[in-house]
């Protein structure tokens, strides 16, 4: 019976985390767009090579504010936009849940570069894209001051986590699901 009770408690906590992910924020398109531009400017300021990477990318997906919180069970949510040729073409949300050693609250920004047309098209065709399910994604956990080797730069998708703030026992992009926001 102890195993059943533990499973029920964990299921309830996971359901709470998943529902929190959808509720955490509901920004207007104008607020998202302003945050995207500010995040890109901060990204450019962190490393001299970032502007060149963005200019070579087939598309850029930016999440200005991604919040993760949890006590044993965690939830994550953020809203952002996809830019193609420097113009916002669609809004997206990122969400996820975790069960395990999660404790605290943290906020960060994410910049995801689709370096090839094929990677961008695969993302745009998907109804829900999961980071980590694609072996071609290179994740740079720190956006500033990193030198990238040629192997990393050959990956079709590059992901950067910027400005981690708060206290969180785990920071990972693996398993995050990105879905379009209904217009």
Protein backbone atom coordinates (compact mmCIF):
# COMPACT_ATOMS: atom_id res chain seq x y z
CA UNK A 1 0.00 0.00 0.00
CA UNK A 2 2.92 2.35 0.67
CA UNK A 3 3.98 2.16 -3.01
CA UNK A 4 0.45 3.02 -4.15
CA UNK A 5 0.24 6.05 -1.83
CA UNK A 6 3.64 7.28 -2.98
CA UNK A 7 2.58 6.89 -6.62
CA UNK A 8 -0.64 8.83 -5.94
CA UNK A 9 1.23 11.69 -4.23
CA UNK A 10 3.78 11.85 -7.06
CA UNK A 11 0.99 11.79 -9.66
CA UNK A 12 -0.81 14.65 -7.91
CA UNK A 13 2.39 16.69 -7.71
CA UNK A 14 3.17 16.01 -11.38
CA UNK A 15 -0.37 17.07 -12.37
CA UNK A 16 0.11 20.29 -10.38
CA UNK A 17 3.42 21.00 -12.10
CA UNK A 18 1.94 20.39 -15.55
CA UNK A 19 -1.02 22.64 -14.86
CA UNK A 20 1.31 25.34 -13.48
CA UNK A 21 3.29 25.26 -16.74
CA UNK A 22 0.28 26.42 -18.74
CA UNK A 23 -0.81 28.98 -16.15
CA UNK A 24 2.55 30.52 -15.27
CA UNK A 25 2.36 33.38 -17.73
CA UNK A 26 0.20 34.60 -20.55
CA UNK A 27 1.98 37.46 -22.23
CA UNK A 28 0.56 39.50 -25.08
CA UNK A 29 2.25 39.22 -28.50
CA UNK A 30 3.61 42.77 -28.07
CA UNK A 31 5.15 41.86 -24.69
CA UNK A 32 6.69 38.70 -26.15
CA UNK A 33 8.09 40.63 -29.13
CA UNK A 34 9.66 43.32 -26.90
CA UNK A 35 11.24 40.63 -24.73
CA UNK A 36 12.58 38.83 -27.80
CA UNK A 37 14.34 41.97 -29.05
CA UNK A 38 15.81 42.74 -25.61
CA UNK A 39 17.03 39.15 -25.24
CA UNK A 40 18.70 39.22 -28.65
CA UNK A 41 20.50 42.47 -27.75
CA UNK A 42 21.72 40.89 -24.49
CA UNK A 43 22.81 37.77 -26.43
CA UNK A 44 24.84 39.89 -28.88
CA UNK A 45 26.48 41.76 -26.00
CA UNK A 46 27.66 38.56 -24.32
CA UNK A 47 29.97 37.28 -27.05
CA UNK A 48 31.42 38.84 -30.17
CA UNK A 49 30.60 35.77 -32.27
CA UNK A 50 26.89 35.65 -31.41
CA UNK A 51 25.86 38.26 -33.97
CA UNK A 52 27.60 36.27 -36.72
CA UNK A 53 25.94 33.02 -35.58
CA UNK A 54 22.50 34.66 -35.69
CA UNK A 55 23.17 36.13 -39.13
CA UNK A 56 24.08 32.65 -40.46
CA UNK A 57 21.05 30.94 -38.88
CA UNK A 58 18.04 29.92 -41.00
CA UNK A 59 15.82 30.85 -38.03
CA UNK A 60 16.13 31.99 -34.42
CA UNK A 61 13.76 30.97 -31.63
CA UNK A 62 13.92 33.24 -28.57
CA UNK A 63 12.26 32.73 -25.18
CA UNK A 64 12.88 35.90 -23.12
CA UNK A 65 11.56 34.64 -19.77
CA UNK A 66 11.51 30.94 -18.91
CA UNK A 67 10.55 30.19 -15.31
CA UNK A 68 11.19 26.88 -13.61
CA UNK A 69 9.94 26.06 -10.11
CA UNK A 70 9.53 22.96 -8.05
CA UNK A 71 9.80 21.05 -4.84
CA UNK A 72 10.45 17.46 -5.85
CA UNK A 73 8.14 17.97 -8.81
CA UNK A 74 8.94 20.86 -11.10
CA UNK A 75 7.30 22.76 -13.88
CA UNK A 76 8.72 25.08 -16.50
CA UNK A 77 7.02 27.60 -18.78
CA UNK A 78 7.96 30.40 -21.13
CA UNK A 79 6.72 32.16 -24.25
CA UNK A 80 8.73 33.37 -27.22
CA UNK A 81 8.91 33.89 -30.95
CA UNK A 82 10.50 32.44 -34.07
CA UNK A 83 12.38 34.88 -36.30
CA UNK A 84 13.14 34.16 -39.95
CA UNK A 85 15.26 36.74 -41.79
CA UNK A 86 15.03 38.97 -38.73
CA UNK A 87 11.20 39.07 -38.71
CA UNK A 88 8.91 37.40 -36.18
CA UNK A 89 6.84 34.76 -37.99
CA UNK A 90 5.15 32.86 -35.13
CA UNK A 91 4.84 32.73 -31.34
CA UNK A 92 5.65 29.60 -29.31
CA UNK A 93 5.57 28.35 -25.76
CA UNK A 94 8.00 26.05 -24.00
CA UNK A 95 6.94 23.78 -21.18
CA UNK A 96 8.08 20.82 -19.24
CA UNK A 97 7.80 18.96 -16.00
CA UNK A 98 10.27 17.02 -13.93
CA UNK A 99 10.07 14.58 -11.08
CA UNK A 100 13.02 14.07 -8.77
CA UNK A 101 15.70 16.28 -7.30
CA UNK A 102 14.15 19.64 -8.17
CA UNK A 103 14.14 22.37 -5.56
CA UNK A 104 13.74 26.12 -5.95
CA UNK A 105 12.78 28.76 -8.46
CA UNK A 106 14.85 30.05 -11.37
CA UNK A 107 14.41 32.18 -14.45
CA UNK A 108 16.47 32.31 -17.62
CA UNK A 109 16.29 33.16 -21.32
CA UNK A 110 16.80 30.77 -24.23
CA UNK A 111 18.08 31.44 -27.73
CA UNK A 112 17.81 28.52 -30.16
CA UNK A 113 19.49 28.83 -33.55
CA UNK A 114 18.37 26.65 -36.45
CA UNK A 115 21.55 26.68 -38.51
CA UNK A 116 20.15 24.84 -41.55
CA UNK A 117 17.03 25.24 -43.64
CA UNK A 118 16.21 21.56 -43.00
CA UNK A 119 16.39 22.00 -39.21
CA UNK A 120 14.11 25.06 -39.43
CA UNK A 121 11.62 23.24 -41.67
CA UNK A 122 11.56 20.18 -39.38
CA UNK A 123 10.82 22.48 -36.43
CA UNK A 124 8.12 24.42 -38.29
CA UNK A 125 6.41 21.22 -39.51
CA UNK A 126 6.26 19.71 -36.04
CA UNK A 127 3.19 20.21 -33.90
CA UNK A 128 5.41 19.93 -30.85
CA UNK A 129 9.22 19.85 -30.91
CA UNK A 130 11.20 18.42 -28.02
CA UNK A 131 14.72 19.53 -27.19
CA UNK A 132 16.86 16.49 -26.60
CA UNK A 133 14.87 14.23 -28.93
CA UNK A 134 16.98 15.61 -31.78
CA UNK A 135 20.57 14.40 -31.49
CA UNK A 136 21.67 17.35 -33.63
CA UNK A 137 21.05 19.92 -30.86
CA UNK A 138 24.14 21.38 -29.17
CA UNK A 139 23.26 23.02 -25.84
CA UNK A 140 25.55 25.70 -24.43
CA UNK A 141 24.45 26.03 -20.82
CA UNK A 142 26.26 29.34 -20.43
CA UNK A 143 25.76 31.90 -23.16
CA UNK A 144 28.59 34.26 -22.32
CA UNK A 145 32.31 33.92 -22.79
CA UNK A 146 32.26 30.50 -24.41
CA UNK A 147 34.50 29.58 -27.31
CA UNK A 148 32.85 27.10 -29.65
CA UNK A 149 34.74 24.38 -31.47
CA UNK A 150 34.08 23.50 -35.10
CA UNK A 151 32.21 20.32 -34.15
CA UNK A 152 29.69 22.31 -32.12
CA UNK A 153 29.24 24.86 -34.90
CA UNK A 154 28.45 22.08 -37.40
CA UNK A 155 25.36 21.04 -35.46
CA UNK A 156 22.04 21.90 -37.15
CA UNK A 157 20.60 23.41 -33.93
CA UNK A 158 22.46 25.44 -31.31
CA UNK A 159 20.75 26.30 -28.01
CA UNK A 160 21.92 28.87 -25.46
CA UNK A 161 20.72 29.45 -21.90
CA UNK A 162 21.27 33.01 -20.70
CA UNK A 163 20.99 34.93 -17.45
CA UNK A 164 20.17 32.16 -15.00
CA UNK A 165 18.74 33.86 -11.92
CA UNK A 166 17.37 32.29 -8.78
CA UNK A 167 18.02 29.12 -6.92
CA UNK A 168 17.40 25.87 -8.76
CA UNK A 169 19.05 22.52 -8.21
CA UNK A 170 18.89 21.51 -11.87
CA UNK A 171 19.09 23.37 -15.18
CA UNK A 172 18.64 21.37 -18.35
CA UNK A 173 16.92 21.85 -21.69
CA UNK A 174 16.50 18.14 -22.36
CA UNK A 175 12.87 17.10 -22.65
CA UNK A 176 11.42 20.60 -23.00
CA UNK A 177 8.50 20.66 -25.41
CA UNK A 178 7.98 23.64 -27.70
CA UNK A 179 4.55 24.18 -29.22
CA UNK A 180 2.93 26.97 -31.26
CA UNK A 181 0.73 29.46 -29.46
CA UNK A 182 -2.71 29.56 -31.09
CA UNK A 183 -3.25 32.92 -32.78
